[in-house]
Amino acid sequence: MNENICWFCRENAPQEQFMVEKTLYDPKSVRGGSFGQMRAIDVKKINIPRCKKCASIQNRINRLSGLYVILLIIIPIVAGFLGYRLELRLDIPDLSIYIGIGTFVIGLLLMFPFIKLVKPLIGGSVPPWSQLPEIKELISKGWSIRDTQ
């Protein structure tokens, strides 16, 4: 692995404070674990080089995605509440449920344009961190990305 270049853009020099740390676990190394005892497992932490620009882009994507999820939850609730108020006035049973479900479905349909909006921020195809030679080698030896406990 070339640690003098950002893994994500393959252009800029990485900076220490923007490195991404991934933890891998060796499920074959589990020791102990009988009732009431702690289990021990071999762990390896690997730093993936990342530049400030890529860190900024990934943080922006995370914030936009979080905002989208929050709106996807809040808007149907508010719409359902407003529909309930309207339901009381118009005497239409279950109107609030239909409005809430409808706005949720509309939010899901808007996910595709949202993804198209966010995709240019990434700047093309980003090599997944699992393709890093060091990580790829450990995965081929049976190491796992998730803790097996």
N, C-alpha and C. Protein backbone atom coordinates (compact mmCIF):
# COMPACT_ATOMS: atom_id res chain seq x y z
N MET A 1 0.85 -1.18 0.00
CA MET A 1 0.00 0.00 0.00
C MET A 1 0.89 1.23 0.00
N ASN A 2 0.57 2.16 -0.87
CA ASN A 2 1.31 3.41 -0.94
C ASN A 2 0.70 4.39 0.05
N GLU A 3 1.40 4.62 1.15
CA GLU A 3 0.87 5.50 2.19
C GLU A 3 1.17 6.96 1.92
N ASN A 4 1.79 7.27 0.78
CA ASN A 4 2.09 8.65 0.43
C ASN A 4 1.03 9.27 -0.46
N ILE A 5 -0.05 8.54 -0.70
CA ILE A 5 -1.12 9.03 -1.55
C ILE A 5 -2.46 8.62 -0.95
N CYS A 6 -3.45 9.48 -1.09
CA CYS A 6 -4.79 9.22 -0.55
C CYS A 6 -5.40 8.00 -1.25
N TRP A 7 -5.93 7.06 -0.47
CA TRP A 7 -6.51 5.85 -1.03
C TRP A 7 -7.78 6.17 -1.82
N PHE A 8 -8.49 7.23 -1.45
CA PHE A 8 -9.79 7.52 -2.04
C PHE A 8 -9.71 8.29 -3.36
N CYS A 9 -8.87 9.31 -3.43
CA CYS A 9 -8.78 10.09 -4.68
C CYS A 9 -7.56 9.71 -5.51
N ARG A 10 -6.60 9.08 -4.89
CA ARG A 10 -5.36 8.67 -5.57
C ARG A 10 -4.60 9.86 -6.15
N GLU A 11 -4.79 11.04 -5.53
CA GLU A 11 -4.12 12.23 -6.04
C GLU A 11 -3.33 12.96 -4.97
N ASN A 12 -3.98 13.27 -3.87
CA ASN A 12 -3.39 14.14 -2.84
C ASN A 12 -2.61 13.36 -1.81
N ALA A 13 -1.75 14.09 -1.12
CA ALA A 13 -1.00 13.48 -0.02
C ALA A 13 -1.92 13.35 1.19
N PRO A 14 -1.91 12.19 1.85
CA PRO A 14 -2.77 12.02 3.02
C PRO A 14 -2.23 12.79 4.21
N GLN A 15 -3.13 13.07 5.15
CA GLN A 15 -2.73 13.73 6.39
C GLN A 15 -3.13 12.83 7.55
N GLU A 16 -2.27 12.79 8.55
CA GLU A 16 -2.44 11.89 9.70
C GLU A 16 -3.81 12.02 10.36
N GLN A 17 -4.28 13.25 10.57
CA GLN A 17 -5.54 13.45 11.31
C GLN A 17 -6.77 13.02 10.52
N PHE A 18 -6.63 12.76 9.22
CA PHE A 18 -7.79 12.36 8.41
C PHE A 18 -7.77 10.88 8.03
N MET A 19 -6.81 10.13 8.56
CA MET A 19 -6.74 8.70 8.28
C MET A 19 -8.02 8.01 8.75
N VAL A 20 -8.41 6.97 8.06
CA VAL A 20 -9.57 6.16 8.44
C VAL A 20 -9.03 4.89 9.08
N GLU A 21 -9.51 4.57 10.27
CA GLU A 21 -9.05 3.35 10.95
C GLU A 21 -10.11 2.27 10.82
N LYS A 22 -9.71 1.11 10.34
CA LYS A 22 -10.60 -0.05 10.24
C LYS A 22 -10.04 -1.15 11.13
N THR A 23 -10.94 -1.86 11.78
CA THR A 23 -10.54 -2.94 12.68
C THR A 23 -10.99 -4.26 12.09
N LEU A 24 -10.06 -5.21 12.05
CA LEU A 24 -10.37 -6.55 11.58
C LEU A 24 -10.18 -7.53 12.74
N TYR A 25 -10.95 -8.61 12.72
CA TYR A 25 -10.93 -9.59 13.79
C TYR A 25 -10.62 -10.96 13.20
N ASP A 26 -9.87 -11.75 13.95
CA ASP A 26 -9.56 -13.11 13.52
C ASP A 26 -10.44 -14.08 14.30
N PRO A 27 -11.52 -14.59 13.66
CA PRO A 27 -12.44 -15.46 14.39
C PRO A 27 -11.81 -16.78 14.82
N LYS A 28 -10.69 -17.17 14.18
CA LYS A 28 -10.03 -18.42 14.56
C LYS A 28 -9.21 -18.27 15.84
N SER A 29 -9.05 -17.04 16.31
CA SER A 29 -8.20 -16.81 17.47
C SER A 29 -8.99 -16.68 18.78
N VAL A 30 -10.29 -17.01 18.77
CA VAL A 30 -11.11 -16.85 19.97
C VAL A 30 -10.58 -17.77 21.08
N ARG A 31 -10.36 -17.15 22.23
CA ARG A 31 -9.87 -17.91 23.39
C ARG A 31 -10.80 -17.64 24.57
N GLY A 32 -10.97 -18.63 25.42
CA GLY A 32 -11.81 -18.46 26.60
C GLY A 32 -13.27 -18.50 26.19
N GLY A 33 -14.08 -17.80 26.94
CA GLY A 33 -15.48 -17.68 26.57
C GLY A 33 -16.39 -18.65 27.29
N SER A 34 -15.88 -19.41 28.26
CA SER A 34 -16.79 -20.25 29.02
C SER A 34 -17.65 -19.35 29.89
N PHE A 35 -18.69 -19.90 30.44
CA PHE A 35 -19.69 -19.11 31.17
C PHE A 35 -19.04 -18.21 32.21
N GLY A 36 -19.34 -16.92 32.10
CA GLY A 36 -18.84 -15.96 33.08
C GLY A 36 -17.44 -15.43 32.80
N GLN A 37 -16.80 -15.89 31.73
CA GLN A 37 -15.45 -15.43 31.43
C GLN A 37 -15.47 -14.55 30.18
N MET A 38 -14.49 -13.68 30.11
CA MET A 38 -14.33 -12.83 28.93
C MET A 38 -13.73 -13.66 27.80
N ARG A 39 -14.11 -13.33 26.57
CA ARG A 39 -13.51 -13.97 25.41
C ARG A 39 -12.42 -13.05 24.87
N ALA A 40 -11.36 -13.64 24.41
CA ALA A 40 -10.26 -12.87 23.81
C ALA A 40 -10.21 -13.22 22.32
N ILE A 41 -9.90 -12.22 21.51
CA ILE A 41 -9.84 -12.43 20.07
C ILE A 41 -8.75 -11.50 19.52
N ASP A 42 -8.01 -11.98 18.52
CA ASP A 42 -6.97 -11.16 17.92
C ASP A 42 -7.61 -10.06 17.07
N VAL A 43 -7.08 -8.87 17.23
CA VAL A 43 -7.59 -7.70 16.53
C VAL A 43 -6.43 -7.01 15.83
N LYS A 44 -6.70 -6.50 14.64
CA LYS A 44 -5.67 -5.74 13.92
C LYS A 44 -6.31 -4.46 13.41
N LYS A 45 -5.70 -3.33 13.76
CA LYS A 45 -6.19 -2.02 13.30
C LYS A 45 -5.33 -1.58 12.12
N ILE A 46 -6.01 -1.15 11.06
CA ILE A 46 -5.31 -0.73 9.85
C ILE A 46 -5.75 0.69 9.52
N ASN A 47 -4.77 1.56 9.28
CA ASN A 47 -5.05 2.94 8.90
C ASN A 47 -5.07 3.06 7.38
N ILE A 48 -6.12 3.69 6.89
CA ILE A 48 -6.26 3.92 5.46
C ILE A 48 -5.95 5.39 5.20
N PRO A 49 -4.97 5.68 4.35
CA PRO A 49 -4.58 7.07 4.10
C PRO A 49 -5.69 7.86 3.40
N ARG A 50 -5.96 9.06 3.95
CA ARG A 50 -7.00 9.92 3.38
C ARG A 50 -6.56 11.37 3.49
N CYS A 51 -6.84 12.14 2.45
CA CYS A 51 -6.47 13.56 2.43
C CYS A 51 -7.60 14.41 3.03
N LYS A 52 -7.31 15.67 3.25
CA LYS A 52 -8.29 16.59 3.83
C LYS A 52 -9.50 16.76 2.91
N LYS A 53 -9.27 16.84 1.59
CA LYS A 53 -10.35 17.03 0.64
C LYS A 53 -11.33 15.86 0.68
N CYS A 54 -10.82 14.64 0.67
CA CYS A 54 -11.69 13.46 0.71
C CYS A 54 -12.41 13.34 2.05
N ALA A 55 -11.73 13.69 3.14
CA ALA A 55 -12.38 13.68 4.45
C ALA A 55 -13.54 14.67 4.47
N SER A 56 -13.32 15.85 3.90
CA SER A 56 -14.35 16.88 3.85
C SER A 56 -15.55 16.41 3.03
N ILE A 57 -15.29 15.81 1.88
CA ILE A 57 -16.36 15.30 1.02
C ILE A 57 -17.15 14.21 1.74
N GLN A 58 -16.45 13.27 2.38
CA GLN A 58 -17.13 12.18 3.07
C GLN A 58 -17.93 12.68 4.26
N ASN A 59 -17.43 13.70 4.97
CA ASN A 59 -18.19 14.28 6.08
C ASN A 59 -19.45 14.97 5.56
N ARG A 60 -19.33 15.67 4.43
CA ARG A 60 -20.49 16.35 3.84
C ARG A 60 -21.55 15.33 3.42
N ILE A 61 -21.12 14.24 2.82
CA ILE A 61 -22.05 13.18 2.41
C ILE A 61 -22.74 12.59 3.64
N ASN A 62 -21.98 12.36 4.71
CA ASN A 62 -22.57 11.82 5.94
C ASN A 62 -23.61 12.78 6.51
N ARG A 63 -23.30 14.07 6.52
CA ARG A 63 -24.26 15.05 7.05
C ARG A 63 -25.52 15.12 6.18
N LEU A 64 -25.35 15.14 4.85
CA LEU A 64 -26.51 15.18 3.95
C LEU A 64 -27.36 13.92 4.10
N SER A 65 -26.71 12.77 4.24
CA SER A 65 -27.44 11.51 4.40
C SER A 65 -28.21 11.50 5.72
N GLY A 66 -27.57 11.98 6.78
CA GLY A 66 -28.24 12.05 8.08
C GLY A 66 -29.43 12.98 8.04
N LEU A 67 -29.28 14.13 7.38
CA LEU A 67 -30.38 15.07 7.25
C LEU A 67 -31.53 14.45 6.46
N TYR A 68 -31.19 13.73 5.40
CA TYR A 68 -32.22 13.09 4.59
C TYR A 68 -33.01 12.07 5.41
N VAL A 69 -32.31 11.25 6.19
CA VAL A 69 -32.98 10.23 7.01
C VAL A 69 -33.88 10.90 8.05
N ILE A 70 -33.39 11.96 8.67
CA ILE A 70 -34.20 12.67 9.66
C ILE A 70 -35.47 13.22 9.00
N LEU A 71 -35.32 13.84 7.83
CA LEU A 71 -36.48 14.38 7.12
C LEU A 71 -37.43 13.27 6.68
N LEU A 72 -36.87 12.13 6.30
CA LEU A 72 -37.70 10.99 5.87
C LEU A 72 -38.55 10.48 7.03
N ILE A 73 -38.10 10.67 8.25
CA ILE A 73 -38.87 10.25 9.43
C ILE A 73 -39.81 11.36 9.90
N ILE A 74 -39.33 12.59 9.96
CA ILE A 74 -40.11 13.69 10.53
C ILE A 74 -41.25 14.15 9.62
N ILE A 75 -41.01 14.29 8.34
CA ILE A 75 -42.03 14.83 7.43
C ILE A 75 -43.30 13.97 7.42
N PRO A 76 -43.20 12.61 7.31
CA PRO A 76 -44.46 11.83 7.38
C PRO A 76 -45.19 11.98 8.71
N ILE A 77 -44.46 12.12 9.81
CA ILE A 77 -45.11 12.30 11.11
C ILE A 77 -45.87 13.62 11.14
N VAL A 78 -45.20 14.70 10.71
CA VAL A 78 -45.86 16.01 10.68
C VAL A 78 -47.04 15.99 9.71
N ALA A 79 -46.84 15.40 8.53
CA ALA A 79 -47.93 15.33 7.55
C ALA A 79 -49.09 14.51 8.09
N GLY A 80 -48.78 13.42 8.79
CA GLY A 80 -49.83 12.61 9.40
C GLY A 80 -50.59 13.38 10.45
N PHE A 81 -49.87 14.17 11.26
CA PHE A 81 -50.53 15.00 12.28
C PHE A 81 -51.44 16.03 11.63
N LEU A 82 -50.93 16.69 10.59
CA LEU A 82 -51.76 17.67 9.88
C LEU A 82 -52.95 17.00 9.21
N GLY A 83 -52.72 15.80 8.69
CA GLY A 83 -53.82 15.03 8.10
C GLY A 83 -54.85 14.66 9.14
N TYR A 84 -54.40 14.38 10.36
CA TYR A 84 -55.33 14.06 11.45
C TYR A 84 -56.21 15.27 11.76
N ARG A 85 -55.58 16.44 11.79
CA ARG A 85 -56.35 17.66 12.05
C ARG A 85 -57.39 17.87 10.92
N LEU A 86 -56.95 17.62 9.68
CA LEU A 86 -57.85 17.74 8.54
C LEU A 86 -58.93 16.66 8.57
N GLU A 87 -58.54 15.48 9.03
CA GLU A 87 -59.47 14.35 9.14
C GLU A 87 -60.62 14.70 10.08
N LEU A 88 -60.31 15.38 11.17
CA LEU A 88 -61.35 15.78 12.11
C LEU A 88 -62.32 16.78 11.49
N ARG A 89 -61.80 17.68 10.66
CA ARG A 89 -62.65 18.69 10.03
C ARG A 89 -63.50 18.11 8.91
N LEU A 90 -62.89 17.26 8.08
CA LEU A 90 -63.59 16.74 6.89
C LEU A 90 -64.33 15.44 7.15
N ASP A 91 -64.09 14.84 8.33
CA ASP A 91 -64.73 13.58 8.70
C ASP A 91 -64.39 12.47 7.69
N ILE A 92 -63.10 12.39 7.32
CA ILE A 92 -62.63 11.32 6.42
C ILE A 92 -61.81 10.36 7.28
N PRO A 93 -62.30 9.13 7.47
CA PRO A 93 -61.58 8.20 8.34
C PRO A 93 -60.22 7.81 7.75
N ASP A 94 -59.25 7.69 8.62
CA ASP A 94 -57.89 7.22 8.29
C ASP A 94 -57.14 8.11 7.29
N LEU A 95 -57.57 9.34 7.11
CA LEU A 95 -56.87 10.25 6.20
C LEU A 95 -55.43 10.49 6.65
N SER A 96 -55.22 10.62 7.95
CA SER A 96 -53.87 10.88 8.46
C SER A 96 -52.92 9.74 8.15
N ILE A 97 -53.42 8.52 8.22
CA ILE A 97 -52.57 7.35 7.91
C ILE A 97 -52.17 7.38 6.44
N TYR A 98 -53.14 7.66 5.57
CA TYR A 98 -52.84 7.71 4.13
C TYR A 98 -51.86 8.83 3.80
N ILE A 99 -52.03 9.96 4.43
CA ILE A 99 -51.12 11.09 4.19
C ILE A 99 -49.72 10.75 4.70
N GLY A 100 -49.63 10.17 5.89
CA GLY A 100 -48.32 9.79 6.45
C GLY A 100 -47.61 8.78 5.58
N ILE A 101 -48.31 7.74 5.18
CA ILE A 101 -47.72 6.70 4.32
C ILE A 101 -47.35 7.30 2.96
N GLY A 102 -48.22 8.15 2.43
CA GLY A 102 -47.96 8.77 1.13
C GLY A 102 -46.70 9.61 1.14
N THR A 103 -46.53 10.43 2.18
CA THR A 103 -45.33 11.26 2.23
C THR A 103 -44.08 10.41 2.44
N PHE A 104 -44.19 9.31 3.18
CA PHE A 104 -43.04 8.41 3.36
C PHE A 104 -42.65 7.79 2.02
N VAL A 105 -43.65 7.34 1.25
CA VAL A 105 -43.37 6.75 -0.06
C VAL A 105 -42.75 7.79 -0.99
N ILE A 106 -43.26 9.01 -0.95
CA ILE A 106 -42.69 10.09 -1.77
C ILE A 106 -41.23 10.33 -1.35
N GLY A 107 -40.98 10.30 -0.04
CA GLY A 107 -39.60 10.46 0.45
C GLY A 107 -38.69 9.36 -0.05
N LEU A 108 -39.20 8.12 -0.07
CA LEU A 108 -38.39 7.01 -0.61
C LEU A 108 -38.12 7.20 -2.10
N LEU A 109 -39.12 7.67 -2.83
CA LEU A 109 -38.93 7.91 -4.26
C LEU A 109 -37.93 9.04 -4.52
N LEU A 110 -37.88 10.01 -3.61
CA LEU A 110 -36.93 11.11 -3.76
C LEU A 110 -35.50 10.68 -3.42
N MET A 111 -35.35 9.47 -2.89
CA MET A 111 -34.02 8.98 -2.55
C MET A 111 -33.14 8.88 -3.80
N PHE A 112 -33.72 8.48 -4.92
CA PHE A 112 -32.93 8.31 -6.13
C PHE A 112 -32.36 9.63 -6.65
N PRO A 113 -33.16 10.70 -6.73
CA PRO A 113 -32.55 11.99 -7.09
C PRO A 113 -31.53 12.45 -6.05
N PHE A 114 -31.78 12.13 -4.77
CA PHE A 114 -30.83 12.50 -3.72
C PHE A 114 -29.49 11.81 -3.95
N ILE A 115 -29.53 10.55 -4.30
CA ILE A 115 -28.28 9.81 -4.57
C ILE A 115 -27.57 10.42 -5.77
N LYS A 116 -28.32 10.82 -6.80
CA LYS A 116 -27.69 11.47 -7.96
C LYS A 116 -27.08 12.81 -7.58
N LEU A 117 -27.68 13.49 -6.60
CA LEU A 117 -27.15 14.76 -6.13
C LEU A 117 -25.83 14.56 -5.37
N VAL A 118 -25.76 13.50 -4.59
CA VAL A 118 -24.59 13.25 -3.75
C VAL A 118 -23.46 12.60 -4.53
N LYS A 119 -23.78 11.81 -5.54
CA LYS A 119 -22.76 11.05 -6.28
C LYS A 119 -21.63 11.91 -6.85
N PRO A 120 -21.92 13.09 -7.44
CA PRO A 120 -20.81 13.91 -7.96
C PRO A 120 -19.84 14.37 -6.87
N LEU A 121 -20.31 14.46 -5.63
CA LEU A 121 -19.41 14.84 -4.53
C LEU A 121 -18.32 13.81 -4.33
N ILE A 122 -18.65 12.56 -4.63
CA ILE A 122 -17.68 11.48 -4.43
C ILE A 122 -16.58 11.57 -5.49
N GLY A 123 -16.94 12.00 -6.68
CA GLY A 123 -15.95 12.16 -7.73
C GLY A 123 -15.59 10.88 -8.43
N GLY A 124 -16.58 10.15 -8.89
CA GLY A 124 -16.31 8.92 -9.61
C GLY A 124 -16.35 7.72 -8.69
N SER A 125 -15.70 6.67 -9.11
CA SER A 125 -15.74 5.44 -8.31
C SER A 125 -14.64 5.49 -7.26
N VAL A 126 -15.04 5.27 -6.04
CA VAL A 126 -14.09 5.25 -4.93
C VAL A 126 -13.73 3.80 -4.65
N PRO A 127 -12.45 3.47 -4.63
CA PRO A 127 -12.11 2.08 -4.34
C PRO A 127 -12.51 1.73 -2.91
N PRO A 128 -13.25 0.67 -2.72
CA PRO A 128 -13.65 0.32 -1.36
C PRO A 128 -12.42 -0.02 -0.52
N TRP A 129 -12.50 0.35 0.75
CA TRP A 129 -11.36 0.12 1.63
C TRP A 129 -11.04 -1.36 1.76
N SER A 130 -12.03 -2.23 1.49
CA SER A 130 -11.78 -3.68 1.59
C SER A 130 -10.86 -4.17 0.48
N GLN A 131 -10.59 -3.32 -0.53
CA GLN A 131 -9.69 -3.68 -1.61
C GLN A 131 -8.25 -3.29 -1.32
N LEU A 132 -8.01 -2.66 -0.18
CA LEU A 132 -6.66 -2.33 0.22
C LEU A 132 -5.86 -3.63 0.31
N PRO A 133 -4.67 -3.71 -0.27
CA PRO A 133 -3.94 -4.98 -0.29
C PRO A 133 -3.79 -5.63 1.10
N GLU A 134 -3.48 -4.84 2.11
CA GLU A 134 -3.29 -5.41 3.46
C GLU A 134 -4.59 -5.99 4.01
N ILE A 135 -5.70 -5.28 3.81
CA ILE A 135 -6.99 -5.76 4.29
C ILE A 135 -7.46 -6.95 3.46
N LYS A 136 -7.27 -6.87 2.15
CA LYS A 136 -7.67 -7.96 1.25
C LYS A 136 -6.96 -9.26 1.63
N GLU A 137 -5.68 -9.15 1.97
CA GLU A 137 -4.91 -10.33 2.36
C GLU A 137 -5.44 -10.94 3.65
N LEU A 138 -5.75 -10.09 4.65
CA LEU A 138 -6.28 -10.60 5.91
C LEU A 138 -7.65 -11.25 5.71
N ILE A 139 -8.50 -10.65 4.88
CA ILE A 139 -9.82 -11.22 4.62
C ILE A 139 -9.67 -12.58 3.95
N SER A 140 -8.71 -12.71 3.04
CA SER A 140 -8.50 -13.99 2.37
C SER A 140 -8.00 -15.07 3.34
N LYS A 141 -7.41 -14.64 4.46
CA LYS A 141 -6.94 -15.58 5.48
C LYS A 141 -8.02 -15.90 6.51
N GLY A 142 -9.22 -15.34 6.32
CA GLY A 142 -10.33 -15.65 7.21
C GLY A 142 -10.63 -14.58 8.25
N TRP A 143 -9.89 -13.48 8.23
CA TRP A 143 -10.18 -12.38 9.17
C TRP A 143 -11.53 -11.78 8.78
N SER A 144 -12.17 -11.20 9.78
CA SER A 144 -13.52 -10.65 9.59
C SER A 144 -13.54 -9.17 9.89
N ILE A 145 -14.47 -8.48 9.25
CA ILE A 145 -14.64 -7.06 9.50
C ILE A 145 -15.43 -6.86 10.79
N ARG A 146 -16.26 -7.83 11.13
CA ARG A 146 -17.08 -7.74 12.34
C ARG A 146 -16.52 -8.60 13.45
N ASP A 147 -16.77 -8.16 14.66
CA ASP A 147 -16.39 -8.92 15.84
C ASP A 147 -17.28 -10.17 15.90
N THR A 148 -16.69 -11.29 16.21
CA THR A 148 -17.45 -12.55 16.24
C THR A 148 -18.04 -12.85 17.60
N GLN A 149 -17.90 -11.93 18.57
CA GLN A 149 -18.41 -12.22 19.91
C GLN A 149 -19.91 -12.17 19.97
